[in-house]
Amino acid sequence: MLGGDVVAVWEVALSDGVYRIEFAHGTTTGKRVVYVNGKEVVRKDWMFKLVGKESFTVGGAGTKATINIEAISGFAYEYSLDVGGKSLQKFIDNRAKTTKTWLLSVDGEDCRVVLEKDTMDVWCNGQKMETTGEFVDDGTETHFSLGEHDCCIKASSGGKKKKNGIDHHLLLDGQNPEVLRCAYF
């Protein structure tokens, strides 16, 4: 437990990892503390104004995040999180359109592979991977390595027009890996 005043917890998935954001708010002292993955990143003691905003960065790219503190009645407060200038829900919805995430086990290790569709950057467990892209008859292939394994993300247009029109499939050593979960976060 980080502190007795933790009033809100959010999880934010970025390309370089999933971050747990916790906010402690002392409603009598005005104290505000922000933790990212258990590490204190903001501390303000004895704030006279109990409502307002706390801004900080999260992730390796320094994505801006802001916690909004609003009074809803008496001494009751509502807390919301903005990420990248958008509400958390809008940020998640946008990430679902611009990224594809696979969770799989490679040589007994859990791997989180993220494709950023707009840049074709590939991340694995928080590390940006060195990739090589090529055009093929039915779309594109983005090649990279996970340890001793050759990986490929095949992008091809689906048979029937979908919302984005492009399917992305991860191959590990030329095979569909046993994906623990394919997610849009």
N, C-alpha and C. Protein backbone atom coordinates (compact mmCIF):
# COMPACT_ATOMS: atom_id res chain seq x y z
N MET A 1 0.85 -1.18 0.00
CA MET A 1 0.00 0.00 0.00
C MET A 1 0.89 1.23 0.00
N LEU A 2 0.66 2.13 -0.92
CA LEU A 2 1.50 3.30 -1.06
C LEU A 2 1.16 4.38 -0.04
N GLY A 3 -0.04 4.45 0.38
CA GLY A 3 -0.44 5.46 1.36
C GLY A 3 -1.92 5.32 1.63
N GLY A 4 -2.35 5.81 2.80
CA GLY A 4 -3.73 5.68 3.19
C GLY A 4 -4.67 6.58 2.41
N ASP A 5 -4.14 7.52 1.64
CA ASP A 5 -4.98 8.49 0.94
C ASP A 5 -5.14 8.20 -0.55
N VAL A 6 -4.80 6.99 -1.03
CA VAL A 6 -4.95 6.69 -2.45
C VAL A 6 -6.43 6.66 -2.77
N VAL A 7 -6.83 7.55 -3.71
CA VAL A 7 -8.26 7.69 -4.02
C VAL A 7 -8.60 7.28 -5.44
N ALA A 8 -7.59 7.12 -6.30
CA ALA A 8 -7.86 6.74 -7.69
C ALA A 8 -6.68 5.96 -8.25
N VAL A 9 -7.00 4.97 -9.10
CA VAL A 9 -5.98 4.15 -9.75
C VAL A 9 -6.41 3.95 -11.20
N TRP A 10 -5.46 4.14 -12.12
CA TRP A 10 -5.71 3.93 -13.54
C TRP A 10 -4.57 3.10 -14.12
N GLU A 11 -4.85 2.37 -15.20
CA GLU A 11 -3.80 1.71 -15.97
C GLU A 11 -3.81 2.30 -17.35
N VAL A 12 -2.61 2.69 -17.82
CA VAL A 12 -2.46 3.33 -19.12
C VAL A 12 -1.48 2.50 -19.95
N ALA A 13 -1.94 2.00 -21.09
CA ALA A 13 -1.09 1.20 -21.98
C ALA A 13 -0.48 2.11 -23.03
N LEU A 14 0.85 2.17 -23.02
CA LEU A 14 1.61 2.89 -24.04
C LEU A 14 2.43 1.86 -24.81
N SER A 15 3.08 2.28 -25.85
CA SER A 15 3.86 1.33 -26.65
C SER A 15 4.97 0.69 -25.84
N ASP A 16 5.55 1.44 -24.90
CA ASP A 16 6.68 0.90 -24.14
C ASP A 16 6.26 0.23 -22.84
N GLY A 17 4.98 0.03 -22.62
CA GLY A 17 4.55 -0.71 -21.44
C GLY A 17 3.20 -0.25 -20.92
N VAL A 18 2.72 -0.97 -19.91
CA VAL A 18 1.49 -0.62 -19.24
C VAL A 18 1.88 0.02 -17.91
N TYR A 19 1.36 1.21 -17.67
CA TYR A 19 1.72 1.98 -16.49
C TYR A 19 0.54 2.08 -15.53
N ARG A 20 0.81 1.84 -14.26
CA ARG A 20 -0.20 1.96 -13.20
C ARG A 20 -0.01 3.33 -12.55
N ILE A 21 -1.05 4.14 -12.61
CA ILE A 21 -1.01 5.49 -12.05
C ILE A 21 -1.92 5.51 -10.82
N GLU A 22 -1.36 5.93 -9.70
CA GLU A 22 -2.12 6.02 -8.46
C GLU A 22 -2.06 7.46 -7.96
N PHE A 23 -3.19 7.91 -7.43
CA PHE A 23 -3.27 9.29 -6.95
C PHE A 23 -3.74 9.29 -5.50
N ALA A 24 -2.94 9.92 -4.64
CA ALA A 24 -3.30 10.09 -3.24
C ALA A 24 -3.69 11.54 -3.02
N HIS A 25 -4.82 11.75 -2.36
CA HIS A 25 -5.33 13.10 -2.12
C HIS A 25 -5.77 13.21 -0.67
N GLY A 26 -5.08 14.04 0.07
CA GLY A 26 -5.48 14.32 1.45
C GLY A 26 -6.54 15.41 1.43
N THR A 27 -7.78 15.03 1.66
CA THR A 27 -8.87 16.00 1.51
C THR A 27 -8.94 17.00 2.65
N THR A 28 -8.18 16.81 3.71
CA THR A 28 -8.13 17.82 4.77
C THR A 28 -6.89 18.69 4.65
N THR A 29 -5.79 18.11 4.17
CA THR A 29 -4.53 18.87 4.04
C THR A 29 -4.30 19.38 2.63
N GLY A 30 -4.99 18.80 1.66
CA GLY A 30 -4.76 19.17 0.27
C GLY A 30 -3.58 18.44 -0.33
N LYS A 31 -2.93 17.57 0.44
CA LYS A 31 -1.77 16.82 -0.06
C LYS A 31 -2.13 16.09 -1.35
N ARG A 32 -1.22 16.14 -2.32
CA ARG A 32 -1.40 15.42 -3.59
C ARG A 32 -0.12 14.66 -3.89
N VAL A 33 -0.26 13.36 -4.14
CA VAL A 33 0.89 12.53 -4.50
C VAL A 33 0.49 11.66 -5.69
N VAL A 34 1.34 11.65 -6.72
CA VAL A 34 1.12 10.82 -7.91
C VAL A 34 2.23 9.77 -7.95
N TYR A 35 1.81 8.51 -8.12
CA TYR A 35 2.74 7.39 -8.26
C TYR A 35 2.57 6.80 -9.65
N VAL A 36 3.67 6.49 -10.30
CA VAL A 36 3.64 5.75 -11.57
C VAL A 36 4.43 4.47 -11.34
N ASN A 37 3.75 3.34 -11.48
CA ASN A 37 4.34 2.02 -11.21
C ASN A 37 5.00 1.98 -9.83
N GLY A 38 4.34 2.60 -8.84
CA GLY A 38 4.83 2.56 -7.47
C GLY A 38 5.88 3.60 -7.13
N LYS A 39 6.35 4.35 -8.12
CA LYS A 39 7.37 5.36 -7.88
C LYS A 39 6.72 6.74 -7.79
N GLU A 40 7.04 7.46 -6.73
CA GLU A 40 6.48 8.79 -6.54
C GLU A 40 7.05 9.75 -7.59
N VAL A 41 6.16 10.41 -8.35
CA VAL A 41 6.61 11.35 -9.38
C VAL A 41 6.18 12.79 -9.09
N VAL A 42 5.16 12.97 -8.24
CA VAL A 42 4.71 14.31 -7.84
C VAL A 42 4.32 14.23 -6.37
N ARG A 43 4.75 15.22 -5.60
CA ARG A 43 4.31 15.33 -4.20
C ARG A 43 4.13 16.81 -3.90
N LYS A 44 2.93 17.14 -3.42
CA LYS A 44 2.65 18.50 -2.95
C LYS A 44 1.93 18.38 -1.63
N ASP A 45 2.56 18.88 -0.58
CA ASP A 45 1.95 18.84 0.75
C ASP A 45 1.32 20.19 1.06
N TRP A 46 0.30 20.16 1.86
CA TRP A 46 -0.35 21.36 2.37
C TRP A 46 -0.78 22.32 1.28
N MET A 47 -1.62 21.83 0.39
CA MET A 47 -2.21 22.67 -0.65
C MET A 47 -3.47 23.29 -0.08
N PHE A 48 -3.63 24.61 -0.23
CA PHE A 48 -4.83 25.26 0.29
C PHE A 48 -6.02 25.06 -0.63
N LYS A 49 -5.76 24.87 -1.91
CA LYS A 49 -6.84 24.64 -2.87
C LYS A 49 -6.98 23.13 -3.05
N LEU A 50 -8.16 22.60 -2.70
CA LEU A 50 -8.35 21.15 -2.74
C LEU A 50 -8.71 20.63 -4.13
N VAL A 51 -9.10 21.51 -5.05
CA VAL A 51 -9.43 21.10 -6.41
C VAL A 51 -8.37 21.64 -7.36
N GLY A 52 -8.35 21.13 -8.59
CA GLY A 52 -7.38 21.61 -9.57
C GLY A 52 -6.85 20.48 -10.41
N LYS A 53 -5.59 20.63 -10.86
CA LYS A 53 -4.98 19.66 -11.77
C LYS A 53 -3.56 19.36 -11.31
N GLU A 54 -3.13 18.14 -11.58
CA GLU A 54 -1.74 17.74 -11.38
C GLU A 54 -1.24 17.13 -12.68
N SER A 55 -0.21 17.72 -13.26
CA SER A 55 0.35 17.22 -14.52
C SER A 55 1.70 16.55 -14.28
N PHE A 56 1.98 15.54 -15.09
CA PHE A 56 3.22 14.78 -14.99
C PHE A 56 3.41 14.06 -16.31
N THR A 57 4.52 13.37 -16.47
CA THR A 57 4.75 12.59 -17.69
C THR A 57 4.80 11.10 -17.33
N VAL A 58 4.48 10.30 -18.32
CA VAL A 58 4.48 8.85 -18.12
C VAL A 58 5.10 8.20 -19.36
N GLY A 59 5.85 7.13 -19.15
CA GLY A 59 6.44 6.39 -20.26
C GLY A 59 7.74 6.99 -20.74
N GLY A 60 8.45 6.20 -21.53
CA GLY A 60 9.75 6.60 -22.05
C GLY A 60 9.68 7.80 -22.97
N ALA A 61 8.55 7.98 -23.66
CA ALA A 61 8.42 9.12 -24.59
C ALA A 61 7.94 10.38 -23.86
N GLY A 62 7.72 10.29 -22.55
CA GLY A 62 7.29 11.46 -21.79
C GLY A 62 5.90 11.93 -22.16
N THR A 63 4.96 11.01 -22.30
CA THR A 63 3.58 11.36 -22.62
C THR A 63 2.98 12.16 -21.47
N LYS A 64 2.38 13.31 -21.79
CA LYS A 64 1.81 14.17 -20.75
C LYS A 64 0.51 13.58 -20.23
N ALA A 65 0.38 13.58 -18.91
CA ALA A 65 -0.83 13.12 -18.25
C ALA A 65 -1.24 14.17 -17.22
N THR A 66 -2.54 14.30 -17.03
CA THR A 66 -3.06 15.27 -16.07
C THR A 66 -4.19 14.63 -15.28
N ILE A 67 -4.11 14.75 -13.96
CA ILE A 67 -5.20 14.31 -13.09
C ILE A 67 -6.03 15.55 -12.77
N ASN A 68 -7.33 15.44 -13.00
CA ASN A 68 -8.26 16.53 -12.72
C ASN A 68 -8.98 16.21 -11.42
N ILE A 69 -9.03 17.19 -10.52
CA ILE A 69 -9.68 17.03 -9.22
C ILE A 69 -10.84 18.03 -9.17
N GLU A 70 -12.06 17.51 -9.04
CA GLU A 70 -13.23 18.38 -9.01
C GLU A 70 -14.08 18.05 -7.80
N ALA A 71 -14.62 19.08 -7.16
CA ALA A 71 -15.55 18.87 -6.04
C ALA A 71 -16.92 18.56 -6.63
N ILE A 72 -17.55 17.52 -6.10
CA ILE A 72 -18.89 17.20 -6.60
C ILE A 72 -19.97 17.55 -5.58
N SER A 73 -19.64 17.54 -4.30
CA SER A 73 -20.56 18.02 -3.26
C SER A 73 -19.84 17.97 -1.92
N GLY A 74 -19.96 19.04 -1.16
CA GLY A 74 -19.33 19.06 0.16
C GLY A 74 -17.86 18.71 0.07
N PHE A 75 -17.49 17.63 0.75
CA PHE A 75 -16.11 17.17 0.71
C PHE A 75 -15.95 15.90 -0.11
N ALA A 76 -16.81 15.74 -1.12
CA ALA A 76 -16.70 14.61 -2.05
C ALA A 76 -16.03 15.12 -3.33
N TYR A 77 -15.12 14.31 -3.85
CA TYR A 77 -14.34 14.73 -5.02
C TYR A 77 -14.43 13.69 -6.12
N GLU A 78 -14.26 14.16 -7.34
CA GLU A 78 -14.22 13.28 -8.51
C GLU A 78 -12.86 13.46 -9.16
N TYR A 79 -12.26 12.34 -9.58
CA TYR A 79 -10.93 12.36 -10.16
C TYR A 79 -10.99 11.78 -11.56
N SER A 80 -10.37 12.45 -12.51
CA SER A 80 -10.31 11.93 -13.88
C SER A 80 -8.89 12.10 -14.40
N LEU A 81 -8.55 11.29 -15.38
CA LEU A 81 -7.21 11.31 -15.95
C LEU A 81 -7.28 11.64 -17.44
N ASP A 82 -6.46 12.60 -17.86
CA ASP A 82 -6.27 12.92 -19.27
C ASP A 82 -4.88 12.42 -19.67
N VAL A 83 -4.77 11.82 -20.84
CA VAL A 83 -3.49 11.34 -21.34
C VAL A 83 -3.31 11.87 -22.75
N GLY A 84 -2.17 12.49 -23.00
CA GLY A 84 -1.91 13.05 -24.32
C GLY A 84 -2.94 14.10 -24.72
N GLY A 85 -3.48 14.83 -23.74
CA GLY A 85 -4.45 15.88 -24.03
C GLY A 85 -5.87 15.40 -24.26
N LYS A 86 -6.12 14.09 -24.05
CA LYS A 86 -7.46 13.52 -24.25
C LYS A 86 -7.91 12.84 -22.96
N SER A 87 -9.23 12.72 -22.79
CA SER A 87 -9.71 11.94 -21.66
C SER A 87 -9.16 10.52 -21.81
N LEU A 88 -9.04 9.81 -20.70
CA LEU A 88 -8.49 8.46 -20.76
C LEU A 88 -9.26 7.59 -21.74
N GLN A 89 -10.60 7.68 -21.74
CA GLN A 89 -11.39 6.85 -22.65
C GLN A 89 -11.11 7.19 -24.11
N LYS A 90 -11.02 8.48 -24.44
CA LYS A 90 -10.71 8.87 -25.82
C LYS A 90 -9.31 8.43 -26.20
N PHE A 91 -8.37 8.51 -25.25
CA PHE A 91 -7.00 8.05 -25.51
C PHE A 91 -7.00 6.55 -25.81
N ILE A 92 -7.74 5.76 -25.01
CA ILE A 92 -7.81 4.31 -25.22
C ILE A 92 -8.45 4.01 -26.57
N ASP A 93 -9.54 4.71 -26.89
CA ASP A 93 -10.22 4.50 -28.18
C ASP A 93 -9.28 4.81 -29.34
N ASN A 94 -8.50 5.87 -29.24
CA ASN A 94 -7.56 6.24 -30.29
C ASN A 94 -6.45 5.20 -30.42
N ARG A 95 -5.94 4.71 -29.28
CA ARG A 95 -4.89 3.68 -29.30
C ARG A 95 -5.39 2.40 -29.97
N ALA A 96 -6.67 2.08 -29.78
CA ALA A 96 -7.25 0.88 -30.40
C ALA A 96 -7.21 0.99 -31.91
N LYS A 97 -7.30 2.20 -32.43
CA LYS A 97 -7.25 2.40 -33.88
C LYS A 97 -5.83 2.46 -34.42
N THR A 98 -4.89 2.94 -33.61
CA THR A 98 -3.54 3.21 -34.12
C THR A 98 -2.50 2.19 -33.70
N THR A 99 -2.87 1.22 -32.85
CA THR A 99 -1.91 0.19 -32.44
C THR A 99 -2.56 -1.18 -32.46
N LYS A 100 -1.71 -2.19 -32.48
CA LYS A 100 -2.17 -3.58 -32.32
C LYS A 100 -1.18 -4.22 -31.35
N THR A 101 -1.71 -4.93 -30.37
CA THR A 101 -0.88 -5.52 -29.32
C THR A 101 -1.12 -7.02 -29.25
N TRP A 102 -0.02 -7.77 -29.17
CA TRP A 102 -0.08 -9.22 -28.99
C TRP A 102 0.63 -9.56 -27.69
N LEU A 103 0.05 -10.43 -26.90
CA LEU A 103 0.69 -10.96 -25.70
C LEU A 103 0.96 -12.44 -25.96
N LEU A 104 2.22 -12.83 -25.89
CA LEU A 104 2.57 -14.21 -26.18
C LEU A 104 3.74 -14.65 -25.33
N SER A 105 3.98 -15.93 -25.29
CA SER A 105 5.10 -16.49 -24.55
C SER A 105 6.15 -16.95 -25.55
N VAL A 106 7.38 -16.49 -25.36
CA VAL A 106 8.49 -16.87 -26.23
C VAL A 106 9.59 -17.42 -25.33
N ASP A 107 9.92 -18.69 -25.52
CA ASP A 107 10.93 -19.37 -24.70
C ASP A 107 10.63 -19.22 -23.20
N GLY A 108 9.34 -19.33 -22.85
CA GLY A 108 8.94 -19.27 -21.45
C GLY A 108 8.81 -17.86 -20.89
N GLU A 109 9.09 -16.86 -21.68
CA GLU A 109 9.00 -15.47 -21.22
C GLU A 109 7.79 -14.80 -21.86
N ASP A 110 7.01 -14.10 -21.04
CA ASP A 110 5.87 -13.36 -21.57
C ASP A 110 6.37 -12.15 -22.34
N CYS A 111 5.82 -11.97 -23.54
CA CYS A 111 6.22 -10.86 -24.40
C CYS A 111 4.98 -10.05 -24.77
N ARG A 112 5.12 -8.75 -24.74
CA ARG A 112 4.08 -7.82 -25.17
C ARG A 112 4.62 -7.11 -26.39
N VAL A 113 4.09 -7.47 -27.56
CA VAL A 113 4.54 -6.89 -28.83
C VAL A 113 3.50 -5.87 -29.28
N VAL A 114 3.95 -4.65 -29.55
CA VAL A 114 3.05 -3.58 -29.96
C VAL A 114 3.48 -3.05 -31.32
N LEU A 115 2.53 -2.98 -32.23
CA LEU A 115 2.75 -2.36 -33.54
C LEU A 115 2.06 -1.01 -33.54
N GLU A 116 2.81 0.05 -33.82
CA GLU A 116 2.23 1.37 -34.03
C GLU A 116 1.92 1.47 -35.51
N LYS A 117 0.64 1.40 -35.85
CA LYS A 117 0.24 1.32 -37.25
C LYS A 117 0.61 2.56 -38.06
N ASP A 118 0.62 3.73 -37.43
CA ASP A 118 0.91 4.95 -38.19
C ASP A 118 2.38 5.07 -38.56
N THR A 119 3.28 4.54 -37.73
CA THR A 119 4.72 4.65 -38.01
C THR A 119 5.34 3.30 -38.38
N MET A 120 4.61 2.21 -38.12
CA MET A 120 5.09 0.83 -38.29
C MET A 120 6.24 0.51 -37.32
N ASP A 121 6.36 1.29 -36.25
CA ASP A 121 7.33 0.96 -35.20
C ASP A 121 6.82 -0.24 -34.43
N VAL A 122 7.75 -1.09 -34.00
CA VAL A 122 7.42 -2.29 -33.23
C VAL A 122 8.15 -2.20 -31.89
N TRP A 123 7.42 -2.50 -30.82
CA TRP A 123 7.96 -2.50 -29.47
C TRP A 123 7.77 -3.88 -28.87
N CYS A 124 8.72 -4.33 -28.07
CA CYS A 124 8.58 -5.58 -27.33
C CYS A 124 9.04 -5.33 -25.90
N ASN A 125 8.14 -5.56 -24.96
CA ASN A 125 8.43 -5.39 -23.53
C ASN A 125 9.14 -4.07 -23.24
N GLY A 126 8.66 -3.01 -23.86
CA GLY A 126 9.18 -1.68 -23.58
C GLY A 126 10.35 -1.24 -24.42
N GLN A 127 10.87 -2.11 -25.26
CA GLN A 127 12.03 -1.78 -26.10
C GLN A 127 11.60 -1.63 -27.55
N LYS A 128 12.01 -0.53 -28.16
CA LYS A 128 11.73 -0.34 -29.58
C LYS A 128 12.64 -1.29 -30.36
N MET A 129 12.03 -2.06 -31.25
CA MET A 129 12.77 -3.09 -31.98
C MET A 129 13.35 -2.53 -33.28
N GLU A 130 14.47 -3.08 -33.68
CA GLU A 130 15.04 -2.77 -34.98
C GLU A 130 14.25 -3.58 -36.01
N THR A 131 13.69 -2.91 -37.00
CA THR A 131 12.84 -3.60 -37.98
C THR A 131 13.31 -3.35 -39.40
N THR A 132 12.89 -4.24 -40.27
CA THR A 132 13.09 -4.09 -41.71
C THR A 132 11.75 -4.32 -42.38
N GLY A 133 11.32 -3.38 -43.19
CA GLY A 133 10.04 -3.51 -43.87
C GLY A 133 10.23 -3.81 -45.34
N GLU A 134 9.29 -4.55 -45.89
CA GLU A 134 9.33 -4.82 -47.33
C GLU A 134 7.92 -4.98 -47.87
N PHE A 135 7.77 -4.61 -49.14
CA PHE A 135 6.50 -4.80 -49.83
C PHE A 135 6.48 -6.18 -50.43
N VAL A 136 5.34 -6.86 -50.29
CA VAL A 136 5.15 -8.19 -50.86
C VAL A 136 3.85 -8.15 -51.67
N ASP A 137 3.57 -9.23 -52.41
CA ASP A 137 2.42 -9.26 -53.29
C ASP A 137 1.11 -8.89 -52.61
N ASP A 138 0.90 -9.39 -51.38
CA ASP A 138 -0.40 -9.17 -50.73
C ASP A 138 -0.36 -8.11 -49.62
N GLY A 139 0.68 -7.27 -49.59
CA GLY A 139 0.74 -6.21 -48.57
C GLY A 139 2.17 -5.88 -48.19
N THR A 140 2.42 -5.80 -46.88
CA THR A 140 3.77 -5.51 -46.39
C THR A 140 4.14 -6.50 -45.31
N GLU A 141 5.44 -6.62 -45.09
CA GLU A 141 5.97 -7.43 -44.00
C GLU A 141 6.98 -6.60 -43.24
N THR A 142 6.87 -6.64 -41.92
CA THR A 142 7.82 -5.95 -41.05
C THR A 142 8.54 -7.03 -40.26
N HIS A 143 9.86 -7.14 -40.46
CA HIS A 143 10.66 -8.20 -39.84
C HIS A 143 11.45 -7.66 -38.65
N PHE A 144 11.55 -8.49 -37.61
CA PHE A 144 12.36 -8.17 -36.44
C PHE A 144 12.69 -9.48 -35.73
N SER A 145 13.53 -9.41 -34.72
CA SER A 145 13.93 -10.61 -33.98
C SER A 145 13.54 -10.49 -32.52
N LEU A 146 13.12 -11.62 -31.95
CA LEU A 146 12.92 -11.75 -30.51
C LEU A 146 13.88 -12.83 -30.05
N GLY A 147 14.97 -12.45 -29.45
CA GLY A 147 16.00 -13.42 -29.08
C GLY A 147 16.51 -14.11 -30.32
N GLU A 148 16.41 -15.44 -30.34
CA GLU A 148 16.87 -16.21 -31.49
C GLU A 148 15.76 -16.47 -32.51
N HIS A 149 14.62 -15.84 -32.33
CA HIS A 149 13.46 -16.09 -33.18
C HIS A 149 13.26 -14.96 -34.19
N ASP A 150 12.94 -15.38 -35.43
CA ASP A 150 12.60 -14.42 -36.47
C ASP A 150 11.11 -14.13 -36.39
N CYS A 151 10.76 -12.87 -36.38
CA CYS A 151 9.35 -12.46 -36.31
C CYS A 151 9.00 -11.63 -37.52
N CYS A 152 7.72 -11.66 -37.84
CA CYS A 152 7.22 -10.90 -38.99
C CYS A 152 5.79 -10.48 -38.68
N ILE A 153 5.52 -9.22 -38.94
CA ILE A 153 4.13 -8.75 -38.88
C ILE A 153 3.70 -8.53 -40.31
N LYS A 154 2.71 -9.33 -40.74
CA LYS A 154 2.19 -9.23 -42.10
C LYS A 154 0.98 -8.31 -42.08
N ALA A 155 1.00 -7.33 -42.96
CA ALA A 155 -0.13 -6.41 -43.12
C ALA A 155 -0.71 -6.63 -44.51
N SER A 156 -1.99 -6.96 -44.55
CA SER A 156 -2.64 -7.17 -45.84
C SER A 156 -4.07 -6.68 -45.75
N SER A 157 -4.60 -6.28 -46.89
CA SER A 157 -5.99 -5.83 -46.87
C SER A 157 -6.88 -7.06 -46.76
N GLY A 158 -7.90 -6.94 -45.91
CA GLY A 158 -8.82 -8.05 -45.69
C GLY A 158 -9.67 -8.29 -46.93
N GLY A 159 -10.21 -9.48 -47.05
CA GLY A 159 -11.06 -9.82 -48.19
C GLY A 159 -12.27 -8.91 -48.30
N LYS A 160 -12.93 -8.69 -47.18
CA LYS A 160 -14.06 -7.77 -47.15
C LYS A 160 -13.57 -6.49 -46.50
N LYS A 161 -14.02 -5.39 -47.01
CA LYS A 161 -13.56 -4.10 -46.48
C LYS A 161 -13.97 -3.97 -45.01
N LYS A 162 -12.97 -3.77 -44.16
CA LYS A 162 -13.21 -3.57 -42.74
C LYS A 162 -13.10 -2.08 -42.45
N LYS A 163 -13.26 -1.74 -41.18
CA LYS A 163 -13.15 -0.34 -40.80
C LYS A 163 -11.82 0.25 -41.23
N ASN A 164 -10.73 -0.45 -40.92
CA ASN A 164 -9.42 0.07 -41.30
C ASN A 164 -8.91 -0.57 -42.58
N GLY A 165 -9.56 -1.66 -43.03
CA GLY A 165 -9.21 -2.28 -44.28
C GLY A 165 -7.93 -3.10 -44.26
N ILE A 166 -7.18 -3.12 -43.15
CA ILE A 166 -5.91 -3.83 -43.11
C ILE A 166 -5.89 -4.78 -41.91
N ASP A 167 -5.50 -6.02 -42.19
CA ASP A 167 -5.32 -7.02 -41.14
C ASP A 167 -3.83 -7.11 -40.82
N HIS A 168 -3.51 -7.22 -39.54
CA HIS A 168 -2.12 -7.40 -39.09
C HIS A 168 -2.02 -8.74 -38.38
N HIS A 169 -1.05 -9.55 -38.79
CA HIS A 169 -0.84 -10.87 -38.19
C HIS A 169 0.63 -11.00 -37.81
N LEU A 170 0.86 -11.51 -36.61
CA LEU A 170 2.21 -11.74 -36.12
C LEU A 170 2.61 -13.19 -36.40
N LEU A 171 3.79 -13.35 -36.98
CA LEU A 171 4.35 -14.69 -37.21
C LEU A 171 5.65 -14.81 -36.43
N LEU A 172 5.85 -15.96 -35.79
CA LEU A 172 7.06 -16.26 -35.04
C LEU A 172 7.69 -17.47 -35.72
N ASP A 173 8.88 -17.28 -36.25
CA ASP A 173 9.56 -18.34 -37.02
C ASP A 173 8.65 -18.89 -38.12
N GLY A 174 7.91 -18.00 -38.78
CA GLY A 174 7.06 -18.37 -39.90
C GLY A 174 5.73 -18.99 -39.53
N GLN A 175 5.46 -19.13 -38.24
CA GLN A 175 4.23 -19.76 -37.77
C GLN A 175 3.40 -18.76 -36.96
N ASN A 176 2.09 -18.99 -36.92
CA ASN A 176 1.27 -18.21 -36.00
C ASN A 176 1.62 -18.66 -34.59
N PRO A 177 2.10 -17.75 -33.75
CA PRO A 177 2.44 -18.17 -32.39
C PRO A 177 1.18 -18.43 -31.59
N GLU A 178 1.34 -19.16 -30.50
CA GLU A 178 0.21 -19.34 -29.60
C GLU A 178 0.09 -18.05 -28.81
N VAL A 179 -0.80 -17.21 -29.27
CA VAL A 179 -0.96 -15.89 -28.66
C VAL A 179 -1.77 -16.03 -27.39
N LEU A 180 -1.23 -15.52 -26.29
CA LEU A 180 -1.95 -15.54 -25.03
C LEU A 180 -3.17 -14.64 -25.12
N ARG A 181 -3.00 -13.49 -25.78
CA ARG A 181 -4.11 -12.58 -25.95
C ARG A 181 -3.70 -11.56 -26.99
N CYS A 182 -4.62 -11.24 -27.86
CA CYS A 182 -4.43 -10.16 -28.84
C CYS A 182 -5.34 -9.04 -28.37
N ALA A 183 -4.77 -7.88 -28.16
CA ALA A 183 -5.55 -6.81 -27.54
C ALA A 183 -5.37 -5.51 -28.30
N TYR A 184 -6.25 -4.60 -28.02
CA TYR A 184 -6.17 -3.26 -28.60
C TYR A 184 -5.91 -2.26 -27.49
N PHE A 185 -4.77 -2.43 -26.83
CA PHE A 185 -4.38 -1.46 -25.79
C PHE A 185 -2.89 -1.29 -25.81
